[in-house]
Amino acid sequence: MLKKIYDAIFITYENIIDLHECADLLYNQGKINRSYTLYHFSFEEGGRLFLLLKVFFKYFHFIFYCFY
């Protein structure tokens, strides 16, 4: 379970970076509306990252105190 959460954190982080880079490219090409959409999606992915980190640390805390 911990490995799946850990993997999801890094996949989400990579997705944030990709969305933001694509948004930058579109913005530089003058496609403001499309870039705004991708910036917004990257912001939402940031929220998902926060939730995944919260679950990761709660799970880690639970495992640590149950077995030690």
Protein backbone atom coordinates (compact mmCIF):
# COMPACT_ATOMS: atom_id res chain seq x y z
CA MET A 1 0.00 0.00 0.00
CA LEU A 2 2.78 2.39 0.92
CA LYS A 3 4.53 1.72 -2.40
CA LYS A 4 1.36 2.55 -4.37
CA ILE A 5 0.92 5.84 -2.52
CA TYR A 6 4.60 6.64 -3.01
CA ASP A 7 4.36 5.95 -6.75
CA ALA A 8 1.18 8.02 -7.06
CA ILE A 9 2.93 10.98 -5.42
CA PHE A 10 5.73 10.98 -7.98
CA ILE A 11 3.41 10.39 -10.94
CA THR A 12 1.26 13.29 -9.80
CA TYR A 13 4.32 15.52 -9.39
CA GLU A 14 5.52 14.67 -12.90
CA ASN A 15 2.04 15.41 -14.24
CA ILE A 16 2.08 18.83 -12.54
CA ILE A 17 5.41 19.67 -14.16
CA ASP A 18 4.26 18.48 -17.61
CA LEU A 19 0.99 20.43 -17.46
CA HIS A 20 2.79 23.58 -16.35
CA GLU A 21 5.41 23.30 -19.10
CA CYS A 22 2.72 22.78 -21.75
CA ALA A 23 0.82 25.76 -20.39
CA ASP A 24 3.98 27.88 -20.63
CA LEU A 25 4.46 26.84 -24.27
CA LEU A 26 0.87 27.70 -25.14
CA TYR A 27 1.10 31.02 -23.33
CA ASN A 28 4.25 31.95 -25.25
CA GLN A 29 2.44 31.13 -28.51
CA GLY A 30 -0.36 33.52 -27.57
CA LYS A 31 -2.97 30.88 -26.79
CA ILE A 32 -3.96 32.39 -23.47
CA ASN A 33 -7.27 30.56 -22.93
CA ARG A 34 -5.79 27.11 -23.50
CA SER A 35 -2.79 27.89 -21.34
CA TYR A 36 -5.09 29.06 -18.54
CA THR A 37 -6.89 25.71 -18.67
CA LEU A 38 -3.64 23.77 -18.33
CA TYR A 39 -2.44 26.07 -15.53
CA HIS A 40 -5.72 25.37 -13.76
CA PHE A 41 -5.31 21.60 -14.23
CA SER A 42 -1.78 21.76 -12.84
CA PHE A 43 -3.12 23.64 -9.83
CA GLU A 44 -5.72 20.91 -9.28
CA GLU A 45 -3.00 18.28 -9.52
CA GLY A 46 -1.18 20.20 -6.79
CA GLY A 47 -4.21 19.70 -4.58
CA ARG A 48 -4.13 15.99 -5.33
CA LEU A 49 -0.43 15.93 -4.45
CA PHE A 50 -1.19 17.51 -1.09
CA LEU A 51 -3.89 14.90 -0.39
CA LEU A 52 -1.58 12.04 -1.38
CA LEU A 53 1.17 13.36 0.88
CA LYS A 54 -1.29 13.63 3.74
CA VAL A 55 -2.41 10.01 3.24
CA PHE A 56 1.22 8.89 2.91
CA PHE A 57 2.27 10.45 6.21
CA LYS A 58 -0.83 9.24 8.05
CA TYR A 59 -0.25 5.70 6.78
CA PHE A 60 3.45 5.88 7.61
CA HIS A 61 2.64 7.22 11.10
CA PHE A 62 0.13 4.39 11.64
CA ILE A 63 2.60 1.70 10.53
CA PHE A 64 5.43 3.18 12.57
CA TYR A 65 3.47 3.30 15.83
CA CYS A 66 1.78 -0.09 15.37
CA PHE A 67 5.00 -2.01 14.89
CA TYR A 68 7.50 -0.08 17.00
